[in-house]
All heavy atoms as atom14 arrays in JSON, in Angstrom:
{
  "sequence": "EARSLERKLSFKRLRLQELLRERGLDGSSAFRQYSEQIRQKMTESG",
  "atom14_mask": [
    [1, 1, 1, 1, 1, 1, 1, 1, 1, 0, 0, 0, 0, 0],
    [1, 1, 1, 1, 1, 0, 0, 0, 0, 0, 0, 0, 0, 0],
    [1, 1, 1, 1, 1, 1, 1, 1, 1, 1, 1, 0, 0, 0],
    [1, 1, 1, 1, 1, 1, 0, 0, 0, 0, 0, 0, 0, 0],
    [1, 1, 1, 1, 1, 1, 1, 1, 0, 0, 0, 0, 0, 0],
    [1, 1, 1, 1, 1, 1, 1, 1, 1, 0, 0, 0, 0, 0],
    [1, 1, 1, 1, 1, 1, 1, 1, 1, 1, 1, 0, 0, 0],
    [1, 1, 1, 1, 1, 1, 1, 1, 1, 0, 0, 0, 0, 0],
    [1, 1, 1, 1, 1, 1, 1, 1, 0, 0, 0, 0, 0, 0],
    [1, 1, 1, 1, 1, 1, 0, 0, 0, 0, 0, 0, 0, 0],
    [1, 1, 1, 1, 1, 1, 1, 1, 1, 1, 1, 0, 0, 0],
    [1, 1, 1, 1, 1, 1, 1, 1, 1, 0, 0, 0, 0, 0],
    [1, 1, 1, 1, 1, 1, 1, 1, 1, 1, 1, 0, 0, 0],
    [1, 1, 1, 1, 1, 1, 1, 1, 0, 0, 0, 0, 0, 0],
    [1, 1, 1, 1, 1, 1, 1, 1, 1, 1, 1, 0, 0, 0],
    [1, 1, 1, 1, 1, 1, 1, 1, 0, 0, 0, 0, 0, 0],
    [1, 1, 1, 1, 1, 1, 1, 1, 1, 0, 0, 0, 0, 0],
    [1, 1, 1, 1, 1, 1, 1, 1, 1, 0, 0, 0, 0, 0],
    [1, 1, 1, 1, 1, 1, 1, 1, 0, 0, 0, 0, 0, 0],
    [1, 1, 1, 1, 1, 1, 1, 1, 0, 0, 0, 0, 0, 0],
    [1, 1, 1, 1, 1, 1, 1, 1, 1, 1, 1, 0, 0, 0],
    [1, 1, 1, 1, 1, 1, 1, 1, 1, 0, 0, 0, 0, 0],
    [1, 1, 1, 1, 1, 1, 1, 1, 1, 1, 1, 0, 0, 0],
    [1, 1, 1, 1, 0, 0, 0, 0, 0, 0, 0, 0, 0, 0],
    [1, 1, 1, 1, 1, 1, 1, 1, 0, 0, 0, 0, 0, 0],
    [1, 1, 1, 1, 1, 1, 1, 1, 0, 0, 0, 0, 0, 0],
    [1, 1, 1, 1, 0, 0, 0, 0, 0, 0, 0, 0, 0, 0],
    [1, 1, 1, 1, 1, 1, 0, 0, 0, 0, 0, 0, 0, 0],
    [1, 1, 1, 1, 1, 1, 0, 0, 0, 0, 0, 0, 0, 0],
    [1, 1, 1, 1, 1, 0, 0, 0, 0, 0, 0, 0, 0, 0],
    [1, 1, 1, 1, 1, 1, 1, 1, 1, 1, 1, 0, 0, 0],
    [1, 1, 1, 1, 1, 1, 1, 1, 1, 1, 1, 0, 0, 0],
    [1, 1, 1, 1, 1, 1, 1, 1, 1, 0, 0, 0, 0, 0],
    [1, 1, 1, 1, 1, 1, 1, 1, 1, 1, 1, 1, 0, 0],
    [1, 1, 1, 1, 1, 1, 0, 0, 0, 0, 0, 0, 0, 0],
    [1, 1, 1, 1, 1, 1, 1, 1, 1, 0, 0, 0, 0, 0],
    [1, 1, 1, 1, 1, 1, 1, 1, 1, 0, 0, 0, 0, 0],
    [1, 1, 1, 1, 1, 1, 1, 1, 0, 0, 0, 0, 0, 0],
    [1, 1, 1, 1, 1, 1, 1, 1, 1, 1, 1, 0, 0, 0],
    [1, 1, 1, 1, 1, 1, 1, 1, 1, 0, 0, 0, 0, 0],
    [1, 1, 1, 1, 1, 1, 1, 1, 1, 0, 0, 0, 0, 0],
    [1, 1, 1, 1, 1, 1, 1, 1, 0, 0, 0, 0, 0, 0],
    [1, 1, 1, 1, 1, 1, 1, 0, 0, 0, 0, 0, 0, 0],
    [1, 1, 1, 1, 1, 1, 1, 1, 1, 0, 0, 0, 0, 0],
    [1, 1, 1, 1, 1, 1, 0, 0, 0, 0, 0, 0, 0, 0],
    [1, 1, 1, 1, 0, 0, 0, 0, 0, 0, 0, 0, 0, 0]
  ],
  "atom14_positions": [
    [[21.86, -7.75, -7.46], [21.06, -8.25, -6.34], [20.34, -7.1, -5.63], [19.16, -7.18, -5.33], [21.95, -9.0, -5.34], [21.19, -9.56, -4.16], [22.09, -10.25, -3.15], [23.33, -10.21, -3.29], [21.52, -10.83, -2.21], [0.0, 0.0, 0.0], [0.0, 0.0, 0.0], [0.0, 0.0, 0.0], [0.0, 0.0, 0.0], [0.0, 0.0, 0.0]],
    [[21.05, -6.0, -5.38], [20.45, -4.85, -4.72], [19.35, -4.24, -5.58], [18.28, -3.88, -5.08], [21.51, -3.8, -4.39], [0.0, 0.0, 0.0], [0.0, 0.0, 0.0], [0.0, 0.0, 0.0], [0.0, 0.0, 0.0], [0.0, 0.0, 0.0], [0.0, 0.0, 0.0], [0.0, 0.0, 0.0], [0.0, 0.0, 0.0], [0.0, 0.0, 0.0]],
    [[19.59, -4.14, -6.86], [18.57, -3.59, -7.76], [17.34, -4.5, -7.81], [16.21, -4.03, -7.83], [19.16, -3.37, -9.16], [20.07, -2.15, -9.23], [20.42, -1.8, -10.66], [21.25, -2.81, -11.29], [22.57, -2.88, -11.21], [23.24, -1.99, -10.52], [23.24, -3.84, -11.83], [0.0, 0.0, 0.0], [0.0, 0.0, 0.0], [0.0, 0.0, 0.0]],
    [[17.57, -5.79, -7.8], [16.47, -6.74, -7.78], [15.64, -6.6, -6.49], [14.41, -6.61, -6.52], [17.0, -8.16, -7.92], [15.97, -9.1, -7.75], [0.0, 0.0, 0.0], [0.0, 0.0, 0.0], [0.0, 0.0, 0.0], [0.0, 0.0, 0.0], [0.0, 0.0, 0.0], [0.0, 0.0, 0.0], [0.0, 0.0, 0.0], [0.0, 0.0, 0.0]],
    [[16.32, -6.45, -5.36], [15.64, -6.27, -4.08], [14.83, -4.97, -4.08], [13.7, -4.94, -3.58], [16.65, -6.26, -2.93], [17.3, -7.6, -2.58], [18.41, -7.4, -1.57], [16.27, -8.58, -2.05], [0.0, 0.0, 0.0], [0.0, 0.0, 0.0], [0.0, 0.0, 0.0], [0.0, 0.0, 0.0], [0.0, 0.0, 0.0], [0.0, 0.0, 0.0]],
    [[15.4, -3.9, -4.66], [14.69, -2.63, -4.72], [13.42, -2.75, -5.58], [12.38, -2.19, -5.23], [15.61, -1.54, -5.28], [16.66, -1.11, -4.28], [17.71, -0.19, -4.88], [17.68, 0.07, -6.11], [18.57, 0.27, -4.11], [0.0, 0.0, 0.0], [0.0, 0.0, 0.0], [0.0, 0.0, 0.0], [0.0, 0.0, 0.0], [0.0, 0.0, 0.0]],
    [[13.51, -3.47, -6.69], [12.34, -3.67, -7.55], [11.26, -4.46, -6.81], [10.08, -4.11, -6.84], [12.73, -4.4, -8.84], [13.4, -3.51, -9.87], [13.54, -4.19, -11.21], [14.32, -5.42, -11.17], [15.64, -5.48, -11.33], [16.34, -4.39, -11.55], [16.26, -6.64, -11.29], [0.0, 0.0, 0.0], [0.0, 0.0, 0.0], [0.0, 0.0, 0.0]],
    [[11.69, -5.52, -6.13], [10.72, -6.32, -5.37], [10.06, -5.49, -4.27], [8.85, -5.58, -4.06], [11.41, -7.54, -4.74], [11.78, -8.61, -5.73], [12.5, -9.75, -5.04], [12.97, -10.79, -6.04], [13.74, -11.85, -5.39], [0.0, 0.0, 0.0], [0.0, 0.0, 0.0], [0.0, 0.0, 0.0], [0.0, 0.0, 0.0], [0.0, 0.0, 0.0]],
    [[10.88, -4.69, -3.58], [10.34, -3.85, -2.51], [9.35, -2.83, -3.06], [8.28, -2.63, -2.49], [11.47, -3.15, -1.76], [11.06, -2.25, -0.6], [10.26, -3.02, 0.44], [12.29, -1.61, 0.03], [0.0, 0.0, 0.0], [0.0, 0.0, 0.0], [0.0, 0.0, 0.0], [0.0, 0.0, 0.0], [0.0, 0.0, 0.0], [0.0, 0.0, 0.0]],
    [[9.68, -2.22, -4.17], [8.76, -1.25, -4.79], [7.45, -1.93, -5.18], [6.37, -1.38, -4.95], [9.4, -0.64, -6.04], [10.48, 0.16, -5.68], [0.0, 0.0, 0.0], [0.0, 0.0, 0.0], [0.0, 0.0, 0.0], [0.0, 0.0, 0.0], [0.0, 0.0, 0.0], [0.0, 0.0, 0.0], [0.0, 0.0, 0.0], [0.0, 0.0, 0.0]],
    [[7.54, -3.1, -5.76], [6.33, -3.84, -6.15], [5.48, -4.16, -4.93], [4.25, -3.98, -4.94], [6.72, -5.13, -6.89], [5.53, -5.99, -7.2], [4.67, -5.66, -8.24], [5.27, -7.13, -6.45], [3.56, -6.46, -8.51], [4.17, -7.92, -6.71], [3.32, -7.58, -7.76], [0.0, 0.0, 0.0], [0.0, 0.0, 0.0], [0.0, 0.0, 0.0]],
    [[6.11, -4.65, -3.85], [5.36, -5.01, -2.63], [4.69, -3.77, -2.02], [3.55, -3.83, -1.58], [6.27, -5.65, -1.59], [6.91, -6.95, -2.03], [5.94, -8.08, -2.04], [6.67, -9.37, -2.41], [5.77, -10.46, -2.62], [0.0, 0.0, 0.0], [0.0, 0.0, 0.0], [0.0, 0.0, 0.0], [0.0, 0.0, 0.0], [0.0, 0.0, 0.0]],
    [[5.41, -2.64, -1.99], [4.85, -1.41, -1.44], [3.65, -0.93, -2.26], [2.64, -0.51, -1.7], [5.9, -0.32, -1.37], [6.89, -0.52, -0.24], [7.91, 0.57, -0.23], [8.81, 0.44, 0.9], [9.98, 1.05, 0.97], [10.38, 1.85, -0.01], [10.74, 0.88, 2.03], [0.0, 0.0, 0.0], [0.0, 0.0, 0.0], [0.0, 0.0, 0.0]],
    [[3.79, -0.99, -3.58], [2.68, -0.59, -4.44], [1.47, -1.5, -4.24], [0.33, -1.04, -4.17], [3.1, -0.61, -5.92], [3.99, 0.54, -6.36], [4.51, 0.3, -7.77], [3.23, 1.85, -6.27], [0.0, 0.0, 0.0], [0.0, 0.0, 0.0], [0.0, 0.0, 0.0], [0.0, 0.0, 0.0], [0.0, 0.0, 0.0], [0.0, 0.0, 0.0]],
    [[1.7, -2.79, -4.16], [0.61, -3.74, -3.93], [-0.06, -3.46, -2.59], [-1.28, -3.51, -2.47], [1.13, -5.18, -4.01], [0.11, -6.23, -3.65], [-1.04, -6.26, -4.65], [-2.08, -7.17, -4.19], [-3.36, -6.88, -4.17], [-3.8, -5.74, -4.63], [-4.25, -7.75, -3.71], [0.0, 0.0, 0.0], [0.0, 0.0, 0.0], [0.0, 0.0, 0.0]],
    [[0.73, -3.16, -1.57], [0.19, -2.87, -0.25], [-0.67, -1.6, -0.3], [-1.78, -1.59, 0.24], [1.32, -2.72, 0.77], [0.91, -2.4, 2.2], [0.0, -3.48, 2.76], [2.15, -2.24, 3.07], [0.0, 0.0, 0.0], [0.0, 0.0, 0.0], [0.0, 0.0, 0.0], [0.0, 0.0, 0.0], [0.0, 0.0, 0.0], [0.0, 0.0, 0.0]],
    [[-0.18, -0.56, -0.94], [-0.96, 0.67, -1.06], [-2.27, 0.43, -1.8], [-3.33, 0.91, -1.4], [-0.15, 1.75, -1.78], [0.95, 2.33, -0.95], [1.81, 3.29, -1.74], [1.65, 3.46, -2.94], [2.74, 3.93, -1.05], [0.0, 0.0, 0.0], [0.0, 0.0, 0.0], [0.0, 0.0, 0.0], [0.0, 0.0, 0.0], [0.0, 0.0, 0.0]],
    [[-2.19, -0.34, -2.87], [-3.39, -0.66, -3.65], [-4.39, -1.44, -2.8], [-5.59, -1.16, -2.8], [-2.99, -1.48, -4.88], [-4.14, -1.94, -5.74], [-3.68, -2.85, -6.86], [-2.51, -2.76, -7.29], [-4.49, -3.68, -7.3], [0.0, 0.0, 0.0], [0.0, 0.0, 0.0], [0.0, 0.0, 0.0], [0.0, 0.0, 0.0], [0.0, 0.0, 0.0]],
    [[-3.89, -2.42, -2.07], [-4.74, -3.25, -1.22], [-5.41, -2.41, -0.13], [-6.62, -2.55, 0.12], [-3.91, -4.37, -0.6], [-4.63, -5.39, 0.24], [-5.6, -6.18, -0.61], [-3.62, -6.33, 0.87], [0.0, 0.0, 0.0], [0.0, 0.0, 0.0], [0.0, 0.0, 0.0], [0.0, 0.0, 0.0], [0.0, 0.0, 0.0], [0.0, 0.0, 0.0]],
    [[-4.65, -1.53, 0.5], [-5.21, -0.69, 1.55], [-6.26, 0.26, 0.98], [-7.29, 0.52, 1.62], [-4.1, 0.11, 2.24], [-3.11, -0.72, 3.06], [-2.03, 0.16, 3.63], [-3.8, -1.51, 4.14], [0.0, 0.0, 0.0], [0.0, 0.0, 0.0], [0.0, 0.0, 0.0], [0.0, 0.0, 0.0], [0.0, 0.0, 0.0], [0.0, 0.0, 0.0]],
    [[-6.01, 0.78, -0.2], [-6.98, 1.67, -0.84], [-8.26, 0.91, -1.19], [-9.36, 1.37, -0.96], [-6.35, 2.31, -2.09], [-7.15, 3.44, -2.66], [-6.45, 4.22, -3.77], [-5.56, 3.48, -4.63], [-4.22, 3.48, -4.55], [-3.63, 4.21, -3.62], [-3.48, 2.79, -5.38], [0.0, 0.0, 0.0], [0.0, 0.0, 0.0], [0.0, 0.0, 0.0]],
    [[-8.11, -0.32, -1.74], [-9.28, -1.14, -2.09], [-10.15, -1.43, -0.88], [-11.37, -1.45, -0.96], [-8.83, -2.48, -2.69], [-8.31, -2.41, -4.09], [-7.74, -3.75, -4.56], [-7.83, -4.75, -3.8], [-7.2, -3.79, -5.67], [0.0, 0.0, 0.0], [0.0, 0.0, 0.0], [0.0, 0.0, 0.0], [0.0, 0.0, 0.0], [0.0, 0.0, 0.0]],
    [[-9.51, -1.67, 0.25], [-10.24, -2.04, 1.46], [-10.67, -0.83, 2.29], [-11.26, -0.99, 3.35], [-9.39, -2.99, 2.31], [-9.15, -4.29, 1.58], [-8.39, -5.27, 2.4], [-8.2, -6.5, 1.63], [-7.48, -7.5, 2.05], [-6.89, -7.45, 3.22], [-7.33, -8.58, 1.3], [0.0, 0.0, 0.0], [0.0, 0.0, 0.0], [0.0, 0.0, 0.0]],
    [[-10.3, 0.34, 1.81], [-10.68, 1.56, 2.53], [-9.9, 1.76, 3.81], [-10.34, 2.48, 4.71], [0.0, 0.0, 0.0], [0.0, 0.0, 0.0], [0.0, 0.0, 0.0], [0.0, 0.0, 0.0], [0.0, 0.0, 0.0], [0.0, 0.0, 0.0], [0.0, 0.0, 0.0], [0.0, 0.0, 0.0], [0.0, 0.0, 0.0], [0.0, 0.0, 0.0]],
    [[-8.74, 1.14, 3.92], [-7.95, 1.23, 5.14], [-6.86, 2.29, 5.07], [-6.21, 2.56, 6.06], [-7.31, -0.13, 5.45], [-8.3, -1.26, 5.72], [-7.57, -2.59, 5.84], [-9.11, -0.99, 6.97], [0.0, 0.0, 0.0], [0.0, 0.0, 0.0], [0.0, 0.0, 0.0], [0.0, 0.0, 0.0], [0.0, 0.0, 0.0], [0.0, 0.0, 0.0]],
    [[-6.67, 2.87, 3.89], [-5.6, 3.85, 3.74], [-5.88, 5.13, 4.54], [-4.97, 5.83, 4.93], [-5.34, 4.18, 2.27], [-6.57, 4.68, 1.54], [-7.68, 4.4, 1.99], [-6.39, 5.36, 0.51], [0.0, 0.0, 0.0], [0.0, 0.0, 0.0], [0.0, 0.0, 0.0], [0.0, 0.0, 0.0], [0.0, 0.0, 0.0], [0.0, 0.0, 0.0]],
    [[-7.14, 5.42, 4.83], [-7.48, 6.61, 5.59], [-7.83, 6.33, 7.04], [-8.12, 7.23, 7.81], [0.0, 0.0, 0.0], [0.0, 0.0, 0.0], [0.0, 0.0, 0.0], [0.0, 0.0, 0.0], [0.0, 0.0, 0.0], [0.0, 0.0, 0.0], [0.0, 0.0, 0.0], [0.0, 0.0, 0.0], [0.0, 0.0, 0.0], [0.0, 0.0, 0.0]],
    [[-7.8, 5.08, 7.45], [-8.2, 4.7, 8.81], [-7.07, 4.95, 9.8], [-6.01, 4.34, 9.71], [-8.59, 3.21, 8.83], [-8.71, 2.77, 10.15], [0.0, 0.0, 0.0], [0.0, 0.0, 0.0], [0.0, 0.0, 0.0], [0.0, 0.0, 0.0], [0.0, 0.0, 0.0], [0.0, 0.0, 0.0], [0.0, 0.0, 0.0], [0.0, 0.0, 0.0]],
    [[-7.31, 5.84, 10.76], [-6.28, 6.14, 11.76], [-6.04, 4.93, 12.67], [-4.91, 4.66, 13.07], [-6.66, 7.36, 12.59], [-7.86, 7.11, 13.3], [0.0, 0.0, 0.0], [0.0, 0.0, 0.0], [0.0, 0.0, 0.0], [0.0, 0.0, 0.0], [0.0, 0.0, 0.0], [0.0, 0.0, 0.0], [0.0, 0.0, 0.0], [0.0, 0.0, 0.0]],
    [[-7.1, 4.17, 12.96], [-6.94, 2.98, 13.8], [-6.06, 1.95, 13.1], [-5.19, 1.34, 13.71], [-8.3, 2.36, 14.12], [0.0, 0.0, 0.0], [0.0, 0.0, 0.0], [0.0, 0.0, 0.0], [0.0, 0.0, 0.0], [0.0, 0.0, 0.0], [0.0, 0.0, 0.0], [0.0, 0.0, 0.0], [0.0, 0.0, 0.0], [0.0, 0.0, 0.0]],
    [[-6.28, 1.78, 11.79], [-5.47, 0.81, 11.06], [-4.02, 1.28, 10.94], [-3.1, 0.49, 11.05], [-6.05, 0.54, 9.67], [-5.36, -0.6, 8.98], [-5.68, -1.9, 9.3], [-4.38, -0.37, 8.03], [-5.03, -2.96, 8.69], [-3.73, -1.42, 7.43], [-4.06, -2.72, 7.75], [0.0, 0.0, 0.0], [0.0, 0.0, 0.0], [0.0, 0.0, 0.0]],
    [[-3.81, 2.59, 10.74], [-2.44, 3.1, 10.67], [-1.7, 2.87, 11.98], [-0.54, 2.46, 12.0], [-2.44, 4.6, 10.33], [-2.53, 4.88, 8.85], [-2.14, 6.31, 8.54], [-2.92, 7.29, 9.28], [-4.08, 7.78, 8.89], [-4.6, 7.4, 7.76], [-4.72, 8.67, 9.64], [0.0, 0.0, 0.0], [0.0, 0.0, 0.0], [0.0, 0.0, 0.0]],
    [[-2.4, 3.12, 13.1], [-1.8, 2.91, 14.41], [-1.47, 1.43, 14.61], [-0.39, 1.08, 15.07], [-2.74, 3.4, 15.5], [-2.16, 3.28, 16.89], [-3.13, 3.76, 17.96], [-4.29, 4.04, 17.68], [-2.67, 3.84, 19.18], [0.0, 0.0, 0.0], [0.0, 0.0, 0.0], [0.0, 0.0, 0.0], [0.0, 0.0, 0.0], [0.0, 0.0, 0.0]],
    [[-2.4, 0.56, 14.26], [-2.18, -0.88, 14.37], [-1.02, -1.32, 13.48], [-0.16, -2.09, 13.89], [-3.46, -1.63, 14.0], [-3.32, -3.13, 13.98], [-2.99, -3.81, 15.14], [-3.5, -3.84, 12.82], [-2.86, -5.19, 15.14], [-3.38, -5.22, 12.81], [-3.06, -5.88, 13.97], [-2.92, -7.24, 13.95], [0.0, 0.0, 0.0], [0.0, 0.0, 0.0]],
    [[-0.97, -0.78, 12.27], [0.1, -1.13, 11.33], [1.45, -0.73, 11.88], [2.43, -1.48, 11.75], [-0.13, -0.43, 9.99], [-1.32, -0.86, 9.41], [0.0, 0.0, 0.0], [0.0, 0.0, 0.0], [0.0, 0.0, 0.0], [0.0, 0.0, 0.0], [0.0, 0.0, 0.0], [0.0, 0.0, 0.0], [0.0, 0.0, 0.0], [0.0, 0.0, 0.0]],
    [[1.51, 0.42, 12.52], [2.78, 0.87, 13.09], [3.21, -0.03, 14.23], [4.39, -0.36, 14.37], [2.66, 2.33, 13.57], [3.96, 2.91, 14.05], [5.1, 2.83, 13.03], [4.86, 2.95, 11.81], [6.25, 2.62, 13.46], [0.0, 0.0, 0.0], [0.0, 0.0, 0.0], [0.0, 0.0, 0.0], [0.0, 0.0, 0.0], [0.0, 0.0, 0.0]],
    [[2.27, -0.49, 15.03], [2.6, -1.41, 16.12], [3.13, -2.73, 15.56], [4.1, -3.29, 16.07], [1.38, -1.67, 17.0], [0.96, -0.48, 17.83], [-0.33, -0.73, 18.59], [-0.99, -1.75, 18.41], [-0.69, 0.21, 19.44], [0.0, 0.0, 0.0], [0.0, 0.0, 0.0], [0.0, 0.0, 0.0], [0.0, 0.0, 0.0], [0.0, 0.0, 0.0]],
    [[2.51, -3.23, 14.49], [2.97, -4.47, 13.85], [4.38, -4.27, 13.31], [5.25, -5.13, 13.48], [2.01, -4.87, 12.71], [0.66, -5.19, 13.27], [2.57, -5.99, 11.87], [0.3, -6.61, 13.42], [0.0, 0.0, 0.0], [0.0, 0.0, 0.0], [0.0, 0.0, 0.0], [0.0, 0.0, 0.0], [0.0, 0.0, 0.0], [0.0, 0.0, 0.0]],
    [[4.59, -3.14, 12.64], [5.9, -2.86, 12.05], [6.98, -2.82, 13.13], [8.06, -3.38, 12.96], [5.83, -1.54, 11.3], [7.1, -1.17, 10.6], [6.87, 0.11, 9.77], [7.96, 0.42, 8.94], [8.35, -0.25, 7.89], [7.71, -1.33, 7.52], [9.39, 0.11, 7.17], [0.0, 0.0, 0.0], [0.0, 0.0, 0.0], [0.0, 0.0, 0.0]],
    [[6.68, -2.19, 14.26], [7.65, -2.13, 15.35], [7.95, -3.52, 15.89], [9.11, -3.85, 16.14], [7.11, -1.24, 16.47], [7.14, 0.23, 16.14], [6.49, 1.07, 17.22], [5.96, 0.56, 18.21], [6.52, 2.38, 17.04], [0.0, 0.0, 0.0], [0.0, 0.0, 0.0], [0.0, 0.0, 0.0], [0.0, 0.0, 0.0], [0.0, 0.0, 0.0]],
    [[6.92, -4.34, 16.04], [7.15, -5.7, 16.55], [7.99, -6.52, 15.58], [8.86, -7.3, 15.98], [5.83, -6.4, 16.84], [5.18, -5.89, 18.1], [4.02, -6.73, 18.52], [3.43, -6.14, 19.78], [2.7, -7.07, 20.56], [0.0, 0.0, 0.0], [0.0, 0.0, 0.0], [0.0, 0.0, 0.0], [0.0, 0.0, 0.0], [0.0, 0.0, 0.0]],
    [[7.73, -6.35, 14.28], [8.49, -7.12, 13.29], [9.93, -6.67, 13.25], [10.83, -7.5, 13.11], [7.85, -7.0, 11.91], [6.6, -7.83, 11.78], [6.07, -8.09, 10.1], [5.18, -6.63, 9.76], [0.0, 0.0, 0.0], [0.0, 0.0, 0.0], [0.0, 0.0, 0.0], [0.0, 0.0, 0.0], [0.0, 0.0, 0.0], [0.0, 0.0, 0.0]],
    [[10.19, -5.38, 13.36], [11.58, -4.91, 13.33], [12.3, -5.24, 14.62], [13.48, -5.52, 14.61], [11.65, -3.39, 13.03], [10.86, -2.7, 13.98], [11.16, -3.08, 11.63], [0.0, 0.0, 0.0], [0.0, 0.0, 0.0], [0.0, 0.0, 0.0], [0.0, 0.0, 0.0], [0.0, 0.0, 0.0], [0.0, 0.0, 0.0], [0.0, 0.0, 0.0]],
    [[11.59, -5.25, 15.76], [12.2, -5.64, 17.02], [12.58, -7.11, 17.02], [13.63, -7.48, 17.51], [11.25, -5.36, 18.19], [11.08, -3.91, 18.52], [9.98, -3.68, 19.54], [9.42, -4.66, 20.07], [9.68, -2.5, 19.8], [0.0, 0.0, 0.0], [0.0, 0.0, 0.0], [0.0, 0.0, 0.0], [0.0, 0.0, 0.0], [0.0, 0.0, 0.0]],
    [[11.71, -7.96, 16.48], [12.0, -9.39, 16.49], [13.15, -9.75, 15.56], [13.8, -10.76, 15.72], [10.76, -10.2, 16.12], [10.4, -9.95, 14.77], [0.0, 0.0, 0.0], [0.0, 0.0, 0.0], [0.0, 0.0, 0.0], [0.0, 0.0, 0.0], [0.0, 0.0, 0.0], [0.0, 0.0, 0.0], [0.0, 0.0, 0.0], [0.0, 0.0, 0.0]],
    [[13.43, -8.89, 14.58], [14.52, -9.15, 13.65], [15.88, -8.73, 14.18], [16.9, -9.07, 13.64], [0.0, 0.0, 0.0], [0.0, 0.0, 0.0], [0.0, 0.0, 0.0], [0.0, 0.0, 0.0], [0.0, 0.0, 0.0], [0.0, 0.0, 0.0], [0.0, 0.0, 0.0], [0.0, 0.0, 0.0], [0.0, 0.0, 0.0], [0.0, 0.0, 0.0]]
  ]
}
């Protein structure tokens, strides 16, 4: 189960990186800041 979760997480992270690169958002400081705020809100709500 843990190995399966790790594979899924790796796949999701790779897809996210690919998506951000395609959209040109991987270098955007505004998007990184916004992403960090979203991440904090999601971890706080959990």
